[in-house]
PDB file of N, CA and C in Angstrom:
ATOM      1  N   MET A   1     -63.169  -9.737  23.228  1.00  0.00           N
ATOM      2  CA  MET A   1     -62.653 -10.620  24.222  1.00  0.00           C
ATOM      3  C   MET A   1     -61.291 -10.571  24.702  1.00  0.00           C
ATOM      4  N   LEU A   2     -60.553  -9.805  23.947  1.00  0.00           N
ATOM      5  CA  LEU A   2     -59.133  -9.704  24.414  1.00  0.00           C
ATOM      6  C   LEU A   2     -58.908  -8.881  25.847  1.00  0.00           C
ATOM      7  N   GLY A   3     -59.836  -7.935  26.009  1.00  0.00           N
ATOM      8  CA  GLY A   3     -59.763  -7.222  27.237  1.00  0.00           C
ATOM      9  C   GLY A   3     -60.249  -7.947  28.568  1.00  0.00           C
ATOM     10  N   LEU A   4     -60.924  -9.011  28.269  1.00  0.00           N
ATOM     11  CA  LEU A   4     -61.356  -9.784  29.317  1.00  0.00           C
ATOM     12  C   LEU A   4     -60.521 -10.929  29.818  1.00  0.00           C
ATOM     13  N   VAL A   5     -60.603 -11.425  31.087  1.00  0.00           N
ATOM     14  CA  VAL A   5     -59.823 -12.480  31.564  1.00  0.00           C
ATOM     15  C   VAL A   5     -60.611 -13.629  31.188  1.00  0.00           C
ATOM     16  N   HIS A   6     -60.288 -14.808  30.553  1.00  0.00           N
ATOM     17  CA  HIS A   6     -60.629 -15.956  30.115  1.00  0.00           C
ATOM     18  C   HIS A   6     -60.260 -16.997  31.162  1.00  0.00           C
ATOM     19  N   PRO A   7     -61.301 -17.654  31.846  1.00  0.00           N
ATOM     20  CA  PRO A   7     -60.985 -18.411  32.910  1.00  0.00           C
ATOM     21  C   PRO A   7     -60.115 -19.769  32.466  1.00  0.00           C
ATOM     22  N   VAL A   8     -60.352 -20.138  31.273  1.00  0.00           N
ATOM     23  CA  VAL A   8     -59.533 -21.333  30.598  1.00  0.00           C
ATOM     24  C   VAL A   8     -57.995 -20.869  30.545  1.00  0.00           C
ATOM     25  N   SER A   9     -57.782 -19.680  29.896  1.00  0.00           N
ATOM     26  CA  SER A   9     -56.558 -19.286  29.722  1.00  0.00           C
ATOM     27  C   SER A   9     -55.849 -18.989  30.929  1.00  0.00           C
ATOM     28  N   THR A  10     -56.534 -18.421  32.039  1.00  0.00           N
ATOM     29  CA  THR A  10     -55.782 -18.228  33.412  1.00  0.00           C
ATOM     30  C   THR A  10     -55.564 -19.555  33.825  1.00  0.00           C
ATOM     31  N   LEU A  11     -56.176 -20.422  33.942  1.00  0.00           N
ATOM     32  CA  LEU A  11     -55.701 -21.980  34.309  1.00  0.00           C
ATOM     33  C   LEU A  11     -54.671 -22.459  33.540  1.00  0.00           C
ATOM     34  N   LEU A  12     -54.657 -22.176  32.311  1.00  0.00           N
ATOM     35  CA  LEU A  12     -53.393 -22.581  31.668  1.00  0.00           C
ATOM     36  C   LEU A  12     -52.176 -22.010  31.823  1.00  0.00           C
ATOM     37  N   PHE A  13     -52.351 -20.614  32.010  1.00  0.00           N
ATOM     38  CA  PHE A  13     -51.284 -19.791  32.538  1.00  0.00           C
ATOM     39  C   PHE A  13     -50.645 -20.475  33.868  1.00  0.00           C
ATOM     40  N   LEU A  14     -51.358 -20.574  34.726  1.00  0.00           N
ATOM     41  CA  LEU A  14     -51.034 -21.140  36.067  1.00  0.00           C
ATOM     42  C   LEU A  14     -50.380 -22.568  36.177  1.00  0.00           C
ATOM     43  N   VAL A  15     -50.886 -23.162  35.133  1.00  0.00           N
ATOM     44  CA  VAL A  15     -50.083 -24.697  35.078  1.00  0.00           C
ATOM     45  C   VAL A  15     -49.039 -24.283  34.332  1.00  0.00           C
ATOM     46  N   GLY A  16     -48.965 -23.883  33.227  1.00  0.00           N
ATOM     47  CA  GLY A  16     -47.808 -23.690  32.271  1.00  0.00           C
ATOM     48  C   GLY A  16     -46.631 -23.008  32.927  1.00  0.00           C
ATOM     49  N   TYR A  17     -46.941 -21.712  33.579  1.00  0.00           N
ATOM     50  CA  TYR A  17     -45.895 -21.039  34.119  1.00  0.00           C
ATOM     51  C   TYR A  17     -45.414 -21.650  35.430  1.00  0.00           C
ATOM     52  N   GLY A  18     -46.510 -22.485  36.021  1.00  0.00           N
ATOM     53  CA  GLY A  18     -45.989 -23.326  37.379  1.00  0.00           C
ATOM     54  C   GLY A  18     -45.034 -24.092  37.087  1.00  0.00           C
ATOM     55  N   LEU A  19     -44.852 -24.678  36.063  1.00  0.00           N
ATOM     56  CA  LEU A  19     -43.851 -25.714  35.512  1.00  0.00           C
ATOM     57  C   LEU A  19     -42.634 -24.922  34.891  1.00  0.00           C
ATOM     58  N   VAL A  20     -42.808 -24.067  34.271  1.00  0.00           N
ATOM     59  CA  VAL A  20     -41.698 -23.234  33.628  1.00  0.00           C
ATOM     60  C   VAL A  20     -40.883 -22.311  34.381  1.00  0.00           C
ATOM     61  N   LEU A  21     -41.430 -21.588  35.368  1.00  0.00           N
ATOM     62  CA  LEU A  21     -40.709 -20.865  36.270  1.00  0.00           C
ATOM     63  C   LEU A  21     -39.884 -21.267  37.178  1.00  0.00           C
ATOM     64  N   PRO A  22     -40.227 -22.269  38.253  1.00  0.00           N
ATOM     65  CA  PRO A  22     -39.276 -22.896  39.012  1.00  0.00           C
ATOM     66  C   PRO A  22     -37.902 -23.560  38.407  1.00  0.00           C
ATOM     67  N   ILE A  23     -38.078 -24.238  37.121  1.00  0.00           N
ATOM     68  CA  ILE A  23     -37.135 -25.019  36.420  1.00  0.00           C
ATOM     69  C   ILE A  23     -36.241 -23.737  36.013  1.00  0.00           C
ATOM     70  N   ALA A  24     -36.783 -22.775  35.226  1.00  0.00           N
ATOM     71  CA  ALA A  24     -35.933 -21.814  34.575  1.00  0.00           C
ATOM     72  C   ALA A  24     -35.101 -21.142  35.768  1.00  0.00           C
ATOM     73  N   VAL A  25     -35.609 -20.844  36.993  1.00  0.00           N
ATOM     74  CA  VAL A  25     -34.964 -20.130  38.058  1.00  0.00           C
ATOM     75  C   VAL A  25     -33.775 -21.003  38.769  1.00  0.00           C
ATOM     76  N   ARG A  26     -34.189 -22.101  38.858  1.00  0.00           N
ATOM     77  CA  ARG A  26     -33.359 -23.175  39.454  1.00  0.00           C
ATOM     78  C   ARG A  26     -32.295 -24.000  38.561  1.00  0.00           C
ATOM     79  N   ARG A  27     -32.246 -23.592  37.326  1.00  0.00           N
ATOM     80  CA  ARG A  27     -31.710 -24.299  36.177  1.00  0.00           C
ATOM     81  C   ARG A  27     -29.970 -24.572  36.635  1.00  0.00           C
ATOM     82  N   THR A  28     -29.489 -23.828  37.154  1.00  0.00           N
ATOM     83  CA  THR A  28     -27.949 -24.025  37.481  1.00  0.00           C
ATOM     84  C   THR A  28     -27.762 -25.159  38.603  1.00  0.00           C
ATOM     85  N   ARG A  29     -29.038 -25.169  39.433  1.00  0.00           N
ATOM     86  CA  ARG A  29     -28.807 -25.944  40.614  1.00  0.00           C
ATOM     87  C   ARG A  29     -29.413 -27.340  40.315  1.00  0.00           C
ATOM     88  N   ILE A  30     -29.812 -27.667  39.152  1.00  0.00           N
ATOM     89  CA  ILE A  30     -30.367 -29.001  39.003  1.00  0.00           C
ATOM     90  C   ILE A  30     -29.378 -29.968  38.490  1.00  0.00           C
ATOM     91  N   PRO A  31     -29.192 -31.155  39.313  1.00  0.00           N
ATOM     92  CA  PRO A  31     -28.225 -32.199  38.921  1.00  0.00           C
ATOM     93  C   PRO A  31     -28.312 -32.617  37.555  1.00  0.00           C
ATOM     94  N   GLU A  32     -27.226 -32.882  36.940  1.00  0.00           N
ATOM     95  CA  GLU A  32     -27.273 -33.316  35.360  1.00  0.00           C
ATOM     96  C   GLU A  32     -28.199 -34.510  35.252  1.00  0.00           C
ATOM     97  N   LYS A  33     -28.135 -35.374  36.053  1.00  0.00           N
ATOM     98  CA  LYS A  33     -29.185 -36.531  35.871  1.00  0.00           C
ATOM     99  C   LYS A  33     -30.678 -36.175  35.912  1.00  0.00           C
ATOM    100  N   TYR A  34     -30.985 -34.994  36.318  1.00  0.00           N
ATOM    101  CA  TYR A  34     -32.488 -34.909  36.455  1.00  0.00           C
ATOM    102  C   TYR A  34     -32.608 -33.670  35.358  1.00  0.00           C
ATOM    103  N   LEU A  35     -31.621 -33.064  34.470  1.00  0.00           N
ATOM    104  CA  LEU A  35     -32.063 -32.124  33.526  1.00  0.00           C
ATOM    105  C   LEU A  35     -33.002 -32.505  32.367  1.00  0.00           C
ATOM    106  N   PRO A  36     -32.764 -33.927  31.865  1.00  0.00           N
ATOM    107  CA  PRO A  36     -33.731 -34.192  30.857  1.00  0.00           C
ATOM    108  C   PRO A  36     -35.370 -34.271  31.207  1.00  0.00           C
ATOM    109  N   PRO A  37     -35.841 -34.716  32.555  1.00  0.00           N
ATOM    110  CA  PRO A  37     -37.158 -34.552  32.892  1.00  0.00           C
ATOM    111  C   PRO A  37     -37.431 -33.038  33.187  1.00  0.00           C
ATOM    112  N   ALA A  38     -36.542 -32.448  33.823  1.00  0.00           N
ATOM    113  CA  ALA A  38     -36.699 -31.027  34.052  1.00  0.00           C
ATOM    114  C   ALA A  38     -36.967 -30.300  32.841  1.00  0.00           C
ATOM    115  N   PHE A  39     -36.141 -30.447  31.513  1.00  0.00           N
ATOM    116  CA  PHE A  39     -36.356 -29.854  30.462  1.00  0.00           C
ATOM    117  C   PHE A  39     -37.602 -29.994  29.937  1.00  0.00           C
ATOM    118  N   ALA A  40     -37.999 -31.514  29.967  1.00  0.00           N
ATOM    119  CA  ALA A  40     -39.346 -31.877  29.311  1.00  0.00           C
ATOM    120  C   ALA A  40     -40.554 -31.110  30.439  1.00  0.00           C
ATOM    121  N   GLY A  41     -40.335 -30.866  31.373  1.00  0.00           N
ATOM    122  CA  GLY A  41     -41.376 -30.092  32.026  1.00  0.00           C
ATOM    123  C   GLY A  41     -41.418 -28.972  31.625  1.00  0.00           C
ATOM    124  N   HIS A  42     -40.063 -28.142  31.549  1.00  0.00           N
ATOM    125  CA  HIS A  42     -40.049 -26.740  30.776  1.00  0.00           C
ATOM    126  C   HIS A  42     -40.952 -26.646  29.562  1.00  0.00           C
ATOM    127  N   GLN A  43     -40.466 -27.472  28.632  1.00  0.00           N
ATOM    128  CA  GLN A  43     -41.103 -27.614  27.386  1.00  0.00           C
ATOM    129  C   GLN A  43     -42.635 -27.630  27.474  1.00  0.00           C
ATOM    130  N   LEU A  44     -42.979 -28.626  28.199  1.00  0.00           N
ATOM    131  CA  LEU A  44     -44.559 -28.853  28.436  1.00  0.00           C
ATOM    132  C   LEU A  44     -45.211 -27.492  29.171  1.00  0.00           C
ATOM    133  N   GLY A  45     -44.463 -26.842  29.972  1.00  0.00           N
ATOM    134  CA  GLY A  45     -44.996 -25.651  30.520  1.00  0.00           C
ATOM    135  C   GLY A  45     -45.160 -24.674  29.693  1.00  0.00           C
ATOM    136  N   LEU A  46     -44.130 -24.605  28.567  1.00  0.00           N
ATOM    137  CA  LEU A  46     -44.122 -23.524  27.529  1.00  0.00           C
ATOM    138  C   LEU A  46     -45.122 -23.636  26.650  1.00  0.00           C
ATOM    139  N   PHE A  47     -45.711 -24.821  26.235  1.00  0.00           N
ATOM    140  CA  PHE A  47     -46.620 -25.116  25.499  1.00  0.00           C
ATOM    141  C   PHE A  47     -47.955 -24.975  25.897  1.00  0.00           C
ATOM    142  N   VAL A  48     -48.087 -25.421  27.373  1.00  0.00           N
ATOM    143  CA  VAL A  48     -49.485 -25.231  28.080  1.00  0.00           C
ATOM    144  C   VAL A  48     -49.598 -23.634  28.005  1.00  0.00           C
ATOM    145  N   ALA A  49     -48.715 -22.944  28.390  1.00  0.00           N
ATOM    146  CA  ALA A  49     -48.719 -21.255  28.703  1.00  0.00           C
ATOM    147  C   ALA A  49     -49.179 -20.666  27.127  1.00  0.00           C
ATOM    148  N   ALA A  50     -48.284 -21.409  25.970  1.00  0.00           N
ATOM    149  CA  ALA A  50     -48.814 -20.819  24.895  1.00  0.00           C
ATOM    150  C   ALA A  50     -50.162 -21.207  24.355  1.00  0.00           C
ATOM    151  N   CYS A  51     -50.714 -22.374  25.005  1.00  0.00           N
ATOM    152  CA  CYS A  51     -52.322 -22.526  24.721  1.00  0.00           C
ATOM    153  C   CYS A  51     -53.160 -21.590  25.289  1.00  0.00           C
ATOM    154  N   GLY A  52     -52.725 -21.198  26.555  1.00  0.00           N
ATOM    155  CA  GLY A  52     -53.467 -20.211  27.316  1.00  0.00           C
ATOM    156  C   GLY A  52     -53.484 -18.939  26.453  1.00  0.00           C
ATOM    157  N   TRP A  53     -52.379 -18.381  25.923  1.00  0.00           N
ATOM    158  CA  TRP A  53     -52.336 -17.148  24.926  1.00  0.00           C
ATOM    159  C   TRP A  53     -53.102 -17.411  23.729  1.00  0.00           C
ATOM    160  N   LEU A  54     -53.348 -18.616  23.294  1.00  0.00           N
ATOM    161  CA  LEU A  54     -54.241 -18.741  22.091  1.00  0.00           C
ATOM    162  C   LEU A  54     -55.558 -18.862  22.378  1.00  0.00           C
ATOM    163  N   VAL A  55     -55.693 -19.348  23.575  1.00  0.00           N
ATOM    164  CA  VAL A  55     -57.316 -19.343  24.035  1.00  0.00           C
ATOM    165  C   VAL A  55     -57.757 -17.944  24.223  1.00  0.00           C
ATOM    166  N   SER A  56     -56.818 -16.996  24.603  1.00  0.00           N
ATOM    167  CA  SER A  56     -57.245 -15.626  25.107  1.00  0.00           C
ATOM    168  C   SER A  56     -57.061 -14.764  23.703  1.00  0.00           C
ATOM    169  N   GLY A  57     -56.671 -15.324  22.648  1.00  0.00           N
ATOM    170  CA  GLY A  57     -56.899 -14.622  21.350  1.00  0.00           C
ATOM    171  C   GLY A  57     -55.515 -13.711  21.123  1.00  0.00           C
ATOM    172  N   ARG A  58     -54.401 -14.089  21.800  1.00  0.00           N
ATOM    173  CA  ARG A  58     -53.151 -13.451  21.695  1.00  0.00           C
ATOM    174  C   ARG A  58     -52.197 -14.362  20.813  1.00  0.00           C
ATOM    175  N   LEU A  59     -52.208 -14.387  19.499  1.00  0.00           N
ATOM    176  CA  LEU A  59     -51.530 -15.351  18.719  1.00  0.00           C
ATOM    177  C   LEU A  59     -49.923 -15.208  18.613  1.00  0.00           C
ATOM    178  N   TRP A  60     -49.616 -13.747  18.580  1.00  0.00           N
ATOM    179  CA  TRP A  60     -48.185 -13.488  18.631  1.00  0.00           C
ATOM    180  C   TRP A  60     -47.406 -13.875  19.929  1.00  0.00           C
ATOM    181  N   ILE A  61     -48.101 -13.684  21.093  1.00  0.00           N
ATOM    182  CA  ILE A  61     -47.386 -14.131  22.175  1.00  0.00           C
ATOM    183  C   ILE A  61     -47.402 -15.620  22.412  1.00  0.00           C
ATOM    184  N   ALA A  62     -48.312 -16.578  21.839  1.00  0.00           N
ATOM    185  CA  ALA A  62     -48.408 -17.871  21.654  1.00  0.00           C
ATOM    186  C   ALA A  62     -47.102 -18.097  21.020  1.00  0.00           C
ATOM    187  N   ALA A  63     -46.982 -17.447  19.875  1.00  0.00           N
ATOM    188  CA  ALA A  63     -45.902 -17.900  18.849  1.00  0.00           C
ATOM    189  C   ALA A  63     -44.597 -17.586  19.515  1.00  0.00           C
ATOM    190  N   ALA A  64     -44.419 -16.751  20.193  1.00  0.00           N
ATOM    191  CA  ALA A  64     -43.261 -16.360  20.892  1.00  0.00           C
ATOM    192  C   ALA A  64     -42.955 -17.456  21.727  1.00  0.00           C
ATOM    193  N   HIS A  65     -43.752 -17.954  22.507  1.00  0.00           N
ATOM    194  CA  HIS A  65     -43.659 -19.151  23.394  1.00  0.00           C
ATOM    195  C   HIS A  65     -43.215 -20.307  22.645  1.00  0.00           C
ATOM    196  N   VAL A  66     -43.751 -20.611  21.712  1.00  0.00           N
ATOM    197  CA  VAL A  66     -43.387 -21.766  20.836  1.00  0.00           C
ATOM    198  C   VAL A  66     -42.054 -21.475  20.208  1.00  0.00           C
ATOM    199  N   GLY A  67     -41.662 -20.357  19.651  1.00  0.00           N
ATOM    200  CA  GLY A  67     -40.232 -19.992  19.145  1.00  0.00           C
ATOM    201  C   GLY A  67     -39.317 -20.172  20.474  1.00  0.00           C
ATOM    202  N   TRP A  68     -39.665 -19.876  21.612  1.00  0.00           N
ATOM    203  CA  TRP A  68     -38.571 -19.857  22.668  1.00  0.00           C
ATOM    204  C   TRP A  68     -38.431 -21.312  22.868  1.00  0.00           C
ATOM    205  N   ALA A  69     -39.431 -22.216  22.932  1.00  0.00           N
ATOM    206  CA  ALA A  69     -39.341 -23.654  23.204  1.00  0.00           C
ATOM    207  C   ALA A  69     -38.454 -24.050  21.975  1.00  0.00           C
ATOM    208  N   VAL A  70     -38.556 -23.744  20.851  1.00  0.00           N
ATOM    209  CA  VAL A  70     -37.697 -24.460  19.707  1.00  0.00           C
ATOM    210  C   VAL A  70     -36.289 -24.097  19.922  1.00  0.00           C
ATOM    211  N   VAL A  71     -36.031 -22.730  20.341  1.00  0.00           N
ATOM    212  CA  VAL A  71     -34.651 -22.249  20.650  1.00  0.00           C
ATOM    213  C   VAL A  71     -33.888 -23.174  21.939  1.00  0.00           C
ATOM    214  N   ALA A  72     -34.798 -23.221  22.932  1.00  0.00           N
ATOM    215  CA  ALA A  72     -34.594 -23.775  24.246  1.00  0.00           C
ATOM    216  C   ALA A  72     -34.090 -25.273  23.761  1.00  0.00           C
ATOM    217  N   ARG A  73     -34.693 -26.087  22.824  1.00  0.00           N
ATOM    218  CA  ARG A  73     -34.661 -27.431  22.439  1.00  0.00           C
ATOM    219  C   ARG A  73     -33.249 -27.492  21.765  1.00  0.00           C
ATOM    220  N   ILE A  74     -32.988 -26.647  20.902  1.00  0.00           N
ATOM    221  CA  ILE A  74     -31.902 -26.317  20.124  1.00  0.00           C
ATOM    222  C   ILE A  74     -30.547 -26.271  21.054  1.00  0.00           C
ATOM    223  N   TRP A  75     -30.691 -25.410  22.005  1.00  0.00           N
ATOM    224  CA  TRP A  75     -29.734 -25.114  23.054  1.00  0.00           C
ATOM    225  C   TRP A  75     -29.581 -26.578  23.744  1.00  0.00           C
ATOM    226  N   PHE A  76     -30.524 -27.117  24.257  1.00  0.00           N
ATOM    227  CA  PHE A  76     -30.381 -28.231  25.322  1.00  0.00           C
ATOM    228  C   PHE A  76     -29.729 -29.303  24.442  1.00  0.00           C
ATOM    229  N   GLN A  77     -30.046 -29.393  23.307  1.00  0.00           N
ATOM    230  CA  GLN A  77     -29.505 -30.736  22.502  1.00  0.00           C
ATOM    231  C   GLN A  77     -27.886 -30.373  22.020  1.00  0.00           C
ATOM    232  N   ASN A  78     -27.578 -29.032  22.074  1.00  0.00           N
ATOM    233  CA  ASN A  78     -26.207 -28.821  21.579  1.00  0.00           C
ATOM    234  C   ASN A  78     -25.210 -28.373  22.974  1.00  0.00           C
ATOM    235  N   ARG A  79     -25.831 -28.470  24.129  1.00  0.00           N
ATOM    236  CA  ARG A  79     -25.102 -27.939  25.181  1.00  0.00           C
ATOM    237  C   ARG A  79     -23.745 -28.476  25.634  1.00  0.00           C
ATOM    238  N   GLY A  80     -23.778 -29.769  25.356  1.00  0.00           N
ATOM    239  CA  GLY A  80     -22.519 -30.422  25.771  1.00  0.00           C
ATOM    240  C   GLY A  80     -21.607 -30.711  24.635  1.00  0.00           C
TER     241      GLY A  80
END
């Protein structure tokens, strides 16, 4: 099944990366008061994308997404 496109994982990728990428690209232009909800959307998107990788059977890529979410959380909490 690893070689086939899984429809559920595709949907999860579209939703997850649809949340993550706009926030990541525009991070420097997000006003300070909107950073907490933007960061929450970023975290949610990473976990949704990680679920997509899990559904498609790619555990290591899903683990990398979760690892990056943890690193981002630490960075966000210690940014100021």
